[in-house]
Amino acid sequence: MFSFGVFNPKLTASVRSLVLSNSAAVRFTRHAEAEMVINGFDHADVLRCLQKGNAFGPEMQNNQLRANVLHRGLRIRVVIAGLDGIQEDWNKLEKIKVITVIVAK
């Protein structure tokens, strides 16, 4: 089974809180938009994943701190960035960028 990293309850709570209070704080890359179309997801699916899914990580990928948010019921994995510089004080999270959206097996 694919590893999504280590479950991070504090990051999970901060992502959920941010998205519930301000969905405009979520930005989508062109790549994420294209992958959503390919995989049959829309913005509502991604926001639901971020609101109810579990965050794993973060880990450095492509010189950027990224985390996986997984919602097994929706079978969706959302890779987010915008975590750099927070030093794991996840309450300071003000915006996130959706890097890609993948069907979770």
PDB file of N, CA and C in Angstrom:
ATOM      1  N   MET A   1       0.843  -1.193   0.000  1.00  0.00           N
ATOM      2  CA  MET A   1       0.000   0.000   0.000  1.00  0.00           C
ATOM      3  C   MET A   1       0.880   1.245   0.000  1.00  0.00           C
ATOM      4  N   PHE A   2       0.472   2.260  -0.744  1.00  0.00           N
ATOM      5  CA  PHE A   2       1.212   3.509  -0.852  1.00  0.00           C
ATOM      6  C   PHE A   2       1.225   4.240   0.492  1.00  0.00           C
ATOM      7  N   SER A   3       2.379   4.777   0.857  1.00  0.00           N
ATOM      8  CA  SER A   3       2.493   5.544   2.098  1.00  0.00           C
ATOM      9  C   SER A   3       2.225   7.017   1.807  1.00  0.00           C
ATOM     10  N   PHE A   4       1.368   7.615   2.587  1.00  0.00           N
ATOM     11  CA  PHE A   4       1.050   9.030   2.421  1.00  0.00           C
ATOM     12  C   PHE A   4       1.841   9.897   3.395  1.00  0.00           C
ATOM     13  N   GLY A   5       2.762   9.296   4.155  1.00  0.00           N
ATOM     14  CA  GLY A   5       3.481  10.010   5.191  1.00  0.00           C
ATOM     15  C   GLY A   5       2.849   9.705   6.539  1.00  0.00           C
ATOM     16  N   VAL A   6       3.260  10.454   7.537  1.00  0.00           N
ATOM     17  CA  VAL A   6       2.783  10.246   8.907  1.00  0.00           C
ATOM     18  C   VAL A   6       1.556  11.127   9.146  1.00  0.00           C
ATOM     19  N   PHE A   7       0.506  10.533   9.714  1.00  0.00           N
ATOM     20  CA  PHE A   7      -0.705  11.292  10.032  1.00  0.00           C
ATOM     21  C   PHE A   7      -0.345  12.464  10.937  1.00  0.00           C
ATOM     22  N   ASN A   8      -0.876  13.646  10.614  1.00  0.00           N
ATOM     23  CA  ASN A   8      -0.573  14.864  11.347  1.00  0.00           C
ATOM     24  C   ASN A   8      -1.886  15.491  11.834  1.00  0.00           C
ATOM     25  N   PRO A   9      -2.288  15.168  13.086  1.00  0.00           N
ATOM     26  CA  PRO A   9      -3.582  15.668  13.570  1.00  0.00           C
ATOM     27  C   PRO A   9      -3.659  17.189  13.681  1.00  0.00           C
ATOM     28  N   LYS A  10      -2.560  17.861  14.005  1.00  0.00           N
ATOM     29  CA  LYS A  10      -2.597  19.326  14.132  1.00  0.00           C
ATOM     30  C   LYS A  10      -2.746  19.994  12.769  1.00  0.00           C
ATOM     31  N   LEU A  11      -2.028  19.486  11.780  1.00  0.00           N
ATOM     32  CA  LEU A  11      -2.172  20.025  10.429  1.00  0.00           C
ATOM     33  C   LEU A  11      -3.576  19.724   9.898  1.00  0.00           C
ATOM     34  N   THR A  12      -4.092  18.538  10.172  1.00  0.00           N
ATOM     35  CA  THR A  12      -5.448  18.175   9.770  1.00  0.00           C
ATOM     36  C   THR A  12      -6.445  19.192  10.316  1.00  0.00           C
ATOM     37  N   ALA A  13      -6.352  19.494  11.595  1.00  0.00           N
ATOM     38  CA  ALA A  13      -7.280  20.445  12.231  1.00  0.00           C
ATOM     39  C   ALA A  13      -7.154  21.833  11.614  1.00  0.00           C
ATOM     40  N   SER A  14      -5.936  22.272  11.328  1.00  0.00           N
ATOM     41  CA  SER A  14      -5.737  23.609  10.758  1.00  0.00           C
ATOM     42  C   SER A  14      -6.252  23.704   9.336  1.00  0.00           C
ATOM     43  N   VAL A  15      -6.009  22.667   8.524  1.00  0.00           N
ATOM     44  CA  VAL A  15      -6.523  22.675   7.147  1.00  0.00           C
ATOM     45  C   VAL A  15      -8.046  22.685   7.174  1.00  0.00           C
ATOM     46  N   ARG A  16      -8.631  21.836   7.986  1.00  0.00           N
ATOM     47  CA  ARG A  16     -10.103  21.791   8.081  1.00  0.00           C
ATOM     48  C   ARG A  16     -10.662  23.147   8.487  1.00  0.00           C
ATOM     49  N   SER A  17     -10.085  23.734   9.518  1.00  0.00           N
ATOM     50  CA  SER A  17     -10.548  25.018  10.031  1.00  0.00           C
ATOM     51  C   SER A  17     -10.407  26.120   8.982  1.00  0.00           C
ATOM     52  N   LEU A  18      -9.255  26.156   8.311  1.00  0.00           N
ATOM     53  CA  LEU A  18      -9.019  27.174   7.285  1.00  0.00           C
ATOM     54  C   LEU A  18     -10.045  27.074   6.164  1.00  0.00           C
ATOM     55  N   VAL A  19     -10.273  25.879   5.666  1.00  0.00           N
ATOM     56  CA  VAL A  19     -11.177  25.693   4.531  1.00  0.00           C
ATOM     57  C   VAL A  19     -12.622  25.977   4.936  1.00  0.00           C
ATOM     58  N   LEU A  20     -13.008  25.571   6.134  1.00  0.00           N
ATOM     59  CA  LEU A  20     -14.376  25.840   6.604  1.00  0.00           C
ATOM     60  C   LEU A  20     -14.627  27.331   6.795  1.00  0.00           C
ATOM     61  N   SER A  21     -13.602  28.070   7.250  1.00  0.00           N
ATOM     62  CA  SER A  21     -13.792  29.495   7.527  1.00  0.00           C
ATOM     63  C   SER A  21     -13.564  30.368   6.297  1.00  0.00           C
ATOM     64  N   ASN A  22     -12.759  29.869   5.337  1.00  0.00           N
ATOM     65  CA  ASN A  22     -12.405  30.717   4.203  1.00  0.00           C
ATOM     66  C   ASN A  22     -11.975  29.868   3.007  1.00  0.00           C
ATOM     67  N   SER A  23     -12.932  29.354   2.258  1.00  0.00           N
ATOM     68  CA  SER A  23     -12.579  28.505   1.118  1.00  0.00           C
ATOM     69  C   SER A  23     -11.817  29.281   0.049  1.00  0.00           C
ATOM     70  N   ALA A  24     -11.880  30.613   0.073  1.00  0.00           N
ATOM     71  CA  ALA A  24     -11.112  31.430  -0.875  1.00  0.00           C
ATOM     72  C   ALA A  24      -9.614  31.379  -0.576  1.00  0.00           C
ATOM     73  N   ALA A  25      -9.240  30.856   0.577  1.00  0.00           N
ATOM     74  CA  ALA A  25      -7.827  30.718   0.937  1.00  0.00           C
ATOM     75  C   ALA A  25      -7.186  29.528   0.228  1.00  0.00           C
ATOM     76  N   VAL A  26      -7.992  28.773  -0.524  1.00  0.00           N
ATOM     77  CA  VAL A  26      -7.497  27.611  -1.261  1.00  0.00           C
ATOM     78  C   VAL A  26      -7.297  28.013  -2.715  1.00  0.00           C
ATOM     79  N   ARG A  27      -6.057  27.901  -3.182  1.00  0.00           N
ATOM     80  CA  ARG A  27      -5.727  28.200  -4.577  1.00  0.00           C
ATOM     81  C   ARG A  27      -5.422  26.900  -5.309  1.00  0.00           C
ATOM     82  N   PHE A  28      -5.692  26.866  -6.591  1.00  0.00           N
ATOM     83  CA  PHE A  28      -5.479  25.678  -7.406  1.00  0.00           C
ATOM     84  C   PHE A  28      -4.451  25.981  -8.495  1.00  0.00           C
ATOM     85  N   THR A  29      -3.445  25.110  -8.648  1.00  0.00           N
ATOM     86  CA  THR A  29      -2.518  25.253  -9.760  1.00  0.00           C
ATOM     87  C   THR A  29      -3.196  24.765 -11.037  1.00  0.00           C
ATOM     88  N   ARG A  30      -2.634  25.151 -12.172  1.00  0.00           N
ATOM     89  CA  ARG A  30      -3.162  24.666 -13.457  1.00  0.00           C
ATOM     90  C   ARG A  30      -3.073  23.148 -13.523  1.00  0.00           C
ATOM     91  N   HIS A  31      -1.967  22.622 -12.995  1.00  0.00           N
ATOM     92  CA  HIS A  31      -1.789  21.166 -12.988  1.00  0.00           C
ATOM     93  C   HIS A  31      -2.917  20.493 -12.196  1.00  0.00           C
ATOM     94  N   ALA A  32      -3.227  21.043 -11.026  1.00  0.00           N
ATOM     95  CA  ALA A  32      -4.301  20.462 -10.208  1.00  0.00           C
ATOM     96  C   ALA A  32      -5.629  20.513 -10.953  1.00  0.00           C
ATOM     97  N   GLU A  33      -5.910  21.638 -11.606  1.00  0.00           N
ATOM     98  CA  GLU A  33      -7.153  21.774 -12.368  1.00  0.00           C
ATOM     99  C   GLU A  33      -7.228  20.709 -13.463  1.00  0.00           C
ATOM    100  N   ALA A  34      -6.124  20.490 -14.174  1.00  0.00           N
ATOM    101  CA  ALA A  34      -6.088  19.493 -15.244  1.00  0.00           C
ATOM    102  C   ALA A  34      -6.289  18.084 -14.691  1.00  0.00           C
ATOM    103  N   GLU A  35      -5.631  17.783 -13.574  1.00  0.00           N
ATOM    104  CA  GLU A  35      -5.758  16.454 -12.959  1.00  0.00           C
ATOM    105  C   GLU A  35      -7.172  16.215 -12.438  1.00  0.00           C
ATOM    106  N   MET A  36      -7.824  17.272 -11.956  1.00  0.00           N
ATOM    107  CA  MET A  36      -9.202  17.137 -11.493  1.00  0.00           C
ATOM    108  C   MET A  36     -10.094  16.699 -12.647  1.00  0.00           C
ATOM    109  N   VAL A  37      -9.924  17.302 -13.808  1.00  0.00           N
ATOM    110  CA  VAL A  37     -10.724  16.942 -14.985  1.00  0.00           C
ATOM    111  C   VAL A  37     -10.452  15.490 -15.375  1.00  0.00           C
ATOM    112  N   ILE A  38      -9.177  15.129 -15.445  1.00  0.00           N
ATOM    113  CA  ILE A  38      -8.790  13.766 -15.839  1.00  0.00           C
ATOM    114  C   ILE A  38      -9.381  12.730 -14.883  1.00  0.00           C
ATOM    115  N   ASN A  39      -9.353  13.035 -13.577  1.00  0.00           N
ATOM    116  CA  ASN A  39      -9.779  12.074 -12.563  1.00  0.00           C
ATOM    117  C   ASN A  39     -11.244  12.198 -12.154  1.00  0.00           C
ATOM    118  N   GLY A  40     -11.983  13.129 -12.765  1.00  0.00           N
ATOM    119  CA  GLY A  40     -13.413  13.239 -12.503  1.00  0.00           C
ATOM    120  C   GLY A  40     -13.780  13.915 -11.196  1.00  0.00           C
ATOM    121  N   PHE A  41     -12.932  14.818 -10.707  1.00  0.00           N
ATOM    122  CA  PHE A  41     -13.221  15.562  -9.481  1.00  0.00           C
ATOM    123  C   PHE A  41     -13.517  17.017  -9.824  1.00  0.00           C
ATOM    124  N   ASP A  42     -14.259  17.690  -8.936  1.00  0.00           N
ATOM    125  CA  ASP A  42     -14.484  19.120  -9.103  1.00  0.00           C
ATOM    126  C   ASP A  42     -14.043  19.855  -7.837  1.00  0.00           C
ATOM    127  N   HIS A  43     -14.197  21.174  -7.834  1.00  0.00           N
ATOM    128  CA  HIS A  43     -13.754  21.970  -6.682  1.00  0.00           C
ATOM    129  C   HIS A  43     -14.467  21.540  -5.404  1.00  0.00           C
ATOM    130  N   ALA A  44     -15.744  21.214  -5.505  1.00  0.00           N
ATOM    131  CA  ALA A  44     -16.499  20.788  -4.318  1.00  0.00           C
ATOM    132  C   ALA A  44     -15.895  19.519  -3.717  1.00  0.00           C
ATOM    133  N   ASP A  45     -15.469  18.573  -4.572  1.00  0.00           N
ATOM    134  CA  ASP A  45     -14.836  17.345  -4.078  1.00  0.00           C
ATOM    135  C   ASP A  45     -13.545  17.666  -3.328  1.00  0.00           C
ATOM    136  N   VAL A  46     -12.742  18.550  -3.916  1.00  0.00           N
ATOM    137  CA  VAL A  46     -11.463  18.905  -3.290  1.00  0.00           C
ATOM    138  C   VAL A  46     -11.706  19.609  -1.955  1.00  0.00           C
ATOM    139  N   LEU A  47     -12.624  20.549  -1.932  1.00  0.00           N
ATOM    140  CA  LEU A  47     -12.912  21.263  -0.682  1.00  0.00           C
ATOM    141  C   LEU A  47     -13.464  20.308   0.379  1.00  0.00           C
ATOM    142  N   ARG A  48     -14.306  19.368  -0.032  1.00  0.00           N
ATOM    143  CA  ARG A  48     -14.833  18.375   0.915  1.00  0.00           C
ATOM    144  C   ARG A  48     -13.693  17.520   1.474  1.00  0.00           C
ATOM    145  N   CYS A  49     -12.744  17.146   0.618  1.00  0.00           N
ATOM    146  CA  CYS A  49     -11.582  16.383   1.075  1.00  0.00           C
ATOM    147  C   CYS A  49     -10.790  17.187   2.101  1.00  0.00           C
ATOM    148  N   LEU A  50     -10.557  18.460   1.807  1.00  0.00           N
ATOM    149  CA  LEU A  50      -9.784  19.304   2.720  1.00  0.00           C
ATOM    150  C   LEU A  50     -10.531  19.546   4.036  1.00  0.00           C
ATOM    151  N   GLN A  51     -11.870  19.585   3.986  1.00  0.00           N
ATOM    152  CA  GLN A  51     -12.678  19.823   5.184  1.00  0.00           C
ATOM    153  C   GLN A  51     -12.822  18.580   6.056  1.00  0.00           C
ATOM    154  N   LYS A  52     -12.806  17.406   5.448  1.00  0.00           N
ATOM    155  CA  LYS A  52     -13.116  16.187   6.203  1.00  0.00           C
ATOM    156  C   LYS A  52     -12.025  15.125   6.156  1.00  0.00           C
ATOM    157  N   GLY A  53     -11.015  15.331   5.317  1.00  0.00           N
ATOM    158  CA  GLY A  53      -9.946  14.343   5.183  1.00  0.00           C
ATOM    159  C   GLY A  53      -8.889  14.473   6.262  1.00  0.00           C
ATOM    160  N   ASN A  54      -7.897  13.605   6.183  1.00  0.00           N
ATOM    161  CA  ASN A  54      -6.781  13.597   7.130  1.00  0.00           C
ATOM    162  C   ASN A  54      -5.498  14.003   6.428  1.00  0.00           C
ATOM    163  N   ALA A  55      -4.731  14.876   7.087  1.00  0.00           N
ATOM    164  CA  ALA A  55      -3.462  15.351   6.523  1.00  0.00           C
ATOM    165  C   ALA A  55      -2.317  14.454   6.972  1.00  0.00           C
ATOM    166  N   PHE A  56      -1.426  14.179   6.045  1.00  0.00           N
ATOM    167  CA  PHE A  56      -0.236  13.368   6.293  1.00  0.00           C
ATOM    168  C   PHE A  56       0.978  14.175   5.865  1.00  0.00           C
ATOM    169  N   GLY A  57       2.024  14.104   6.684  1.00  0.00           N
ATOM    170  CA  GLY A  57       3.243  14.854   6.374  1.00  0.00           C
ATOM    171  C   GLY A  57       3.325  16.079   7.263  1.00  0.00           C
ATOM    172  N   PRO A  58       3.991  17.086   6.824  1.00  0.00           N
ATOM    173  CA  PRO A  58       4.464  17.365   5.476  1.00  0.00           C
ATOM    174  C   PRO A  58       5.871  16.814   5.229  1.00  0.00           C
ATOM    175  N   GLU A  59       6.232  16.816   3.964  1.00  0.00           N
ATOM    176  CA  GLU A  59       7.559  16.397   3.531  1.00  0.00           C
ATOM    177  C   GLU A  59       8.020  17.339   2.434  1.00  0.00           C
ATOM    178  N   MET A  60       9.344  17.450   2.278  1.00  0.00           N
ATOM    179  CA  MET A  60       9.886  18.267   1.197  1.00  0.00           C
ATOM    180  C   MET A  60       9.760  17.514  -0.116  1.00  0.00           C
ATOM    181  N   GLN A  61       9.166  18.160  -1.101  1.00  0.00           N
ATOM    182  CA  GLN A  61       9.056  17.622  -2.464  1.00  0.00           C
ATOM    183  C   GLN A  61       9.275  18.782  -3.419  1.00  0.00           C
ATOM    184  N   ASN A  62      10.207  18.607  -4.354  1.00  0.00           N
ATOM    185  CA  ASN A  62      10.505  19.663  -5.333  1.00  0.00           C
ATOM    186  C   ASN A  62      10.800  20.999  -4.652  1.00  0.00           C
ATOM    187  N   ASN A  63      11.621  20.951  -3.586  1.00  0.00           N
ATOM    188  CA  ASN A  63      12.014  22.151  -2.829  1.00  0.00           C
ATOM    189  C   ASN A  63      10.833  22.903  -2.235  1.00  0.00           C
ATOM    190  N   GLN A  64       9.787  22.177  -1.912  1.00  0.00           N
ATOM    191  CA  GLN A  64       8.581  22.780  -1.356  1.00  0.00           C
ATOM    192  C   GLN A  64       8.026  21.842  -0.293  1.00  0.00           C
ATOM    193  N   LEU A  65       7.590  22.419   0.821  1.00  0.00           N
ATOM    194  CA  LEU A  65       6.977  21.621   1.875  1.00  0.00           C
ATOM    195  C   LEU A  65       5.546  21.296   1.448  1.00  0.00           C
ATOM    196  N   ARG A  66       5.253  19.994   1.330  1.00  0.00           N
ATOM    197  CA  ARG A  66       3.938  19.552   0.852  1.00  0.00           C
ATOM    198  C   ARG A  66       3.365  18.506   1.793  1.00  0.00           C
ATOM    199  N   ALA A  67       2.050  18.418   1.781  1.00  0.00           N
ATOM    200  CA  ALA A  67       1.356  17.406   2.577  1.00  0.00           C
ATOM    201  C   ALA A  67       0.280  16.758   1.713  1.00  0.00           C
ATOM    202  N   ASN A  68      -0.076  15.551   2.074  1.00  0.00           N
ATOM    203  CA  ASN A  68      -1.166  14.830   1.431  1.00  0.00           C
ATOM    204  C   ASN A  68      -2.396  14.921   2.328  1.00  0.00           C
ATOM    205  N   VAL A  69      -3.530  15.231   1.743  1.00  0.00           N
ATOM    206  CA  VAL A  69      -4.798  15.181   2.467  1.00  0.00           C
ATOM    207  C   VAL A  69      -5.620  14.086   1.794  1.00  0.00           C
ATOM    208  N   LEU A  70      -6.008  13.115   2.593  1.00  0.00           N
ATOM    209  CA  LEU A  70      -6.654  11.916   2.072  1.00  0.00           C
ATOM    210  C   LEU A  70      -8.061  11.773   2.633  1.00  0.00           C
ATOM    211  N   HIS A  71      -9.006  11.527   1.744  1.00  0.00           N
ATOM    212  CA  HIS A  71     -10.375  11.219   2.150  1.00  0.00           C
ATOM    213  C   HIS A  71     -10.719   9.892   1.486  1.00  0.00           C
ATOM    214  N   ARG A  72     -10.638   8.820   2.254  1.00  0.00           N
ATOM    215  CA  ARG A  72     -10.816   7.484   1.689  1.00  0.00           C
ATOM    216  C   ARG A  72     -12.241   7.250   1.167  1.00  0.00           C
ATOM    217  N   GLY A  73     -13.225   7.848   1.823  1.00  0.00           N
ATOM    218  CA  GLY A  73     -14.610   7.667   1.393  1.00  0.00           C
ATOM    219  C   GLY A  73     -14.847   8.231  -0.009  1.00  0.00           C
ATOM    220  N   LEU A  74     -14.231   9.368  -0.297  1.00  0.00           N
ATOM    221  CA  LEU A  74     -14.350   9.979  -1.618  1.00  0.00           C
ATOM    222  C   LEU A  74     -13.306   9.431  -2.590  1.00  0.00           C
ATOM    223  N   ARG A  75     -12.373   8.642  -2.070  1.00  0.00           N
ATOM    224  CA  ARG A  75     -11.271   8.085  -2.864  1.00  0.00           C
ATOM    225  C   ARG A  75     -10.475   9.187  -3.553  1.00  0.00           C
ATOM    226  N   ILE A  76     -10.096  10.203  -2.758  1.00  0.00           N
ATOM    227  CA  ILE A  76      -9.377  11.348  -3.300  1.00  0.00           C
ATOM    228  C   ILE A  76      -8.183  11.681  -2.409  1.00  0.00           C
ATOM    229  N   ARG A  77      -7.074  12.019  -3.071  1.00  0.00           N
ATOM    230  CA  ARG A  77      -5.887  12.512  -2.365  1.00  0.00           C
ATOM    231  C   ARG A  77      -5.536  13.856  -2.964  1.00  0.00           C
ATOM    232  N   VAL A  78      -5.417  14.860  -2.103  1.00  0.00           N
ATOM    233  CA  VAL A  78      -5.099  16.217  -2.520  1.00  0.00           C
ATOM    234  C   VAL A  78      -3.723  16.556  -1.955  1.00  0.00           C
ATOM    235  N   VAL A  79      -2.806  16.951  -2.828  1.00  0.00           N
ATOM    236  CA  VAL A  79      -1.470  17.361  -2.400  1.00  0.00           C
ATOM    237  C   VAL A  79      -1.489  18.875  -2.270  1.00  0.00           C
ATOM    238  N   ILE A  80      -1.124  19.360  -1.073  1.00  0.00           N
ATOM    239  CA  ILE A  80      -1.157  20.800  -0.808  1.00  0.00           C
ATOM    240  C   ILE A  80       0.238  21.327  -0.500  1.00  0.00           C
ATOM    241  N   ALA A  81       0.420  22.612  -0.798  1.00  0.00           N
ATOM    242  CA  ALA A  81       1.641  23.333  -0.453  1.00  0.00           C
ATOM    243  C   ALA A  81       1.220  24.654   0.178  1.00  0.00           C
ATOM    244  N   GLY A  82       2.197  25.519   0.403  1.00  0.00           N
ATOM    245  CA  GLY A  82       1.922  26.776   1.091  1.00  0.00           C
ATOM    246  C   GLY A  82       2.189  26.639   2.573  1.00  0.00           C
ATOM    247  N   LEU A  83       2.961  25.610   2.923  1.00  0.00           N
ATOM    248  CA  LEU A  83       3.229  25.296   4.327  1.00  0.00           C
ATOM    249  C   LEU A  83       4.582  25.819   4.783  1.00  0.00           C
ATOM    250  N   ASP A  84       5.400  26.307   3.843  1.00  0.00           N
ATOM    251  CA  ASP A  84       6.742  26.774   4.173  1.00  0.00           C
ATOM    252  C   ASP A  84       6.685  27.983   5.098  1.00  0.00           C
ATOM    253  N   GLY A  85       7.650  28.057   6.011  1.00  0.00           N
ATOM    254  CA  GLY A  85       7.798  29.216   6.880  1.00  0.00           C
ATOM    255  C   GLY A  85       6.901  29.223   8.101  1.00  0.00           C
ATOM    256  N   ILE A  86       6.051  28.245   8.246  1.00  0.00           N
ATOM    257  CA  ILE A  86       5.139  28.222   9.395  1.00  0.00           C
ATOM    258  C   ILE A  86       5.801  27.559  10.607  1.00  0.00           C
ATOM    259  N   GLN A  87       6.859  26.790  10.369  1.00  0.00           N
ATOM    260  CA  GLN A  87       7.596  26.071  11.417  1.00  0.00           C
ATOM    261  C   GLN A  87       6.675  25.207  12.272  1.00  0.00           C
ATOM    262  N   GLU A  88       5.751  24.563  11.592  1.00  0.00           N
ATOM    263  CA  GLU A  88       4.830  23.609  12.205  1.00  0.00           C
ATOM    264  C   GLU A  88       3.892  24.209  13.247  1.00  0.00           C
ATOM    265  N   ASP A  89       3.785  25.550  13.294  1.00  0.00           N
ATOM    266  CA  ASP A  89       2.732  26.182  14.098  1.00  0.00           C
ATOM    267  C   ASP A  89       1.540  26.321  13.157  1.00  0.00           C
ATOM    268  N   TRP A  90       0.827  25.208  12.986  1.00  0.00           N
ATOM    269  CA  TRP A  90      -0.193  25.119  11.953  1.00  0.00           C
ATOM    270  C   TRP A  90      -1.330  26.108  12.152  1.00  0.00           C
ATOM    271  N   ASN A  91      -1.484  26.668  13.358  1.00  0.00           N
ATOM    272  CA  ASN A  91      -2.525  27.676  13.573  1.00  0.00           C
ATOM    273  C   ASN A  91      -2.266  28.938  12.759  1.00  0.00           C
ATOM    274  N   LYS A  92      -1.039  29.126  12.278  1.00  0.00           N
ATOM    275  CA  LYS A  92      -0.691  30.291  11.465  1.00  0.00           C
ATOM    276  C   LYS A  92      -1.044  30.096   9.990  1.00  0.00           C
ATOM    277  N   LEU A  93      -1.581  28.946   9.637  1.00  0.00           N
ATOM    278  CA  LEU A  93      -1.906  28.642   8.253  1.00  0.00           C
ATOM    279  C   LEU A  93      -2.994  29.594   7.761  1.00  0.00           C
ATOM    280  N   GLU A  94      -2.679  30.375   6.715  1.00  0.00           N
ATOM    281  CA  GLU A  94      -3.630  31.363   6.194  1.00  0.00           C
ATOM    282  C   GLU A  94      -4.105  31.048   4.794  1.00  0.00           C
ATOM    283  N   LYS A  95      -3.343  30.255   4.043  1.00  0.00           N
ATOM    284  CA  LYS A  95      -3.745  29.870   2.701  1.00  0.00           C
ATOM    285  C   LYS A  95      -2.983  28.614   2.310  1.00  0.00           C
ATOM    286  N   ILE A  96      -3.565  27.877   1.394  1.00  0.00           N
ATOM    287  CA  ILE A  96      -2.915  26.676   0.882  1.00  0.00           C
ATOM    288  C   ILE A  96      -3.074  26.632  -0.630  1.00  0.00           C
ATOM    289  N   LYS A  97      -2.155  25.926  -1.256  1.00  0.00           N
ATOM    290  CA  LYS A  97      -2.195  25.753  -2.706  1.00  0.00           C
ATOM    291  C   LYS A  97      -2.363  24.279  -3.006  1.00  0.00           C
ATOM    292  N   VAL A  98      -3.357  23.956  -3.827  1.00  0.00           N
ATOM    293  CA  VAL A  98      -3.576  22.583  -4.267  1.00  0.00           C
ATOM    294  C   VAL A  98      -2.639  22.336  -5.441  1.00  0.00           C
ATOM    295  N   ILE A  99      -1.710  21.391  -5.246  1.00  0.00           N
ATOM    296  CA  ILE A  99      -0.701  21.084  -6.264  1.00  0.00           C
ATOM    297  C   ILE A  99      -1.233  20.057  -7.255  1.00  0.00           C
ATOM    298  N   THR A 100      -1.864  19.016  -6.750  1.00  0.00           N
ATOM    299  CA  THR A 100      -2.441  17.990  -7.620  1.00  0.00           C
ATOM    300  C   THR A 100      -3.562  17.267  -6.895  1.00  0.00           C
ATOM    301  N   VAL A 101      -4.374  16.583  -7.665  1.00  0.00           N
ATOM    302  CA  VAL A 101      -5.507  15.822  -7.140  1.00  0.00           C
ATOM    303  C   VAL A 101      -5.449  14.446  -7.780  1.00  0.00           C
ATOM    304  N   ILE A 102      -5.480  13.415  -6.947  1.00  0.00           N
ATOM    305  CA  ILE A 102      -5.248  12.043  -7.403  1.00  0.00           C
ATOM    306  C   ILE A 102      -6.352  11.145  -6.868  1.00  0.00           C
ATOM    307  N   VAL A 103      -6.725  10.145  -7.647  1.00  0.00           N
ATOM    308  CA  VAL A 103      -7.656   9.121  -7.172  1.00  0.00           C
ATOM    309  C   VAL A 103      -6.912   8.259  -6.159  1.00  0.00           C
ATOM    310  N   ALA A 104      -7.459   8.137  -4.963  1.00  0.00           N
ATOM    311  CA  ALA A 104      -6.861   7.297  -3.914  1.00  0.00           C
ATOM    312  C   ALA A 104      -7.387   5.882  -4.078  1.00  0.00           C
ATOM    313  N   LYS A 105      -6.495   4.929  -4.101  1.00  0.00           N
ATOM    314  CA  LYS A 105      -6.876   3.524  -4.284  1.00  0.00           C
ATOM    315  C   LYS A 105      -7.240   2.899  -2.957  1.00  0.00           C
TER     316      LYS A 105
END
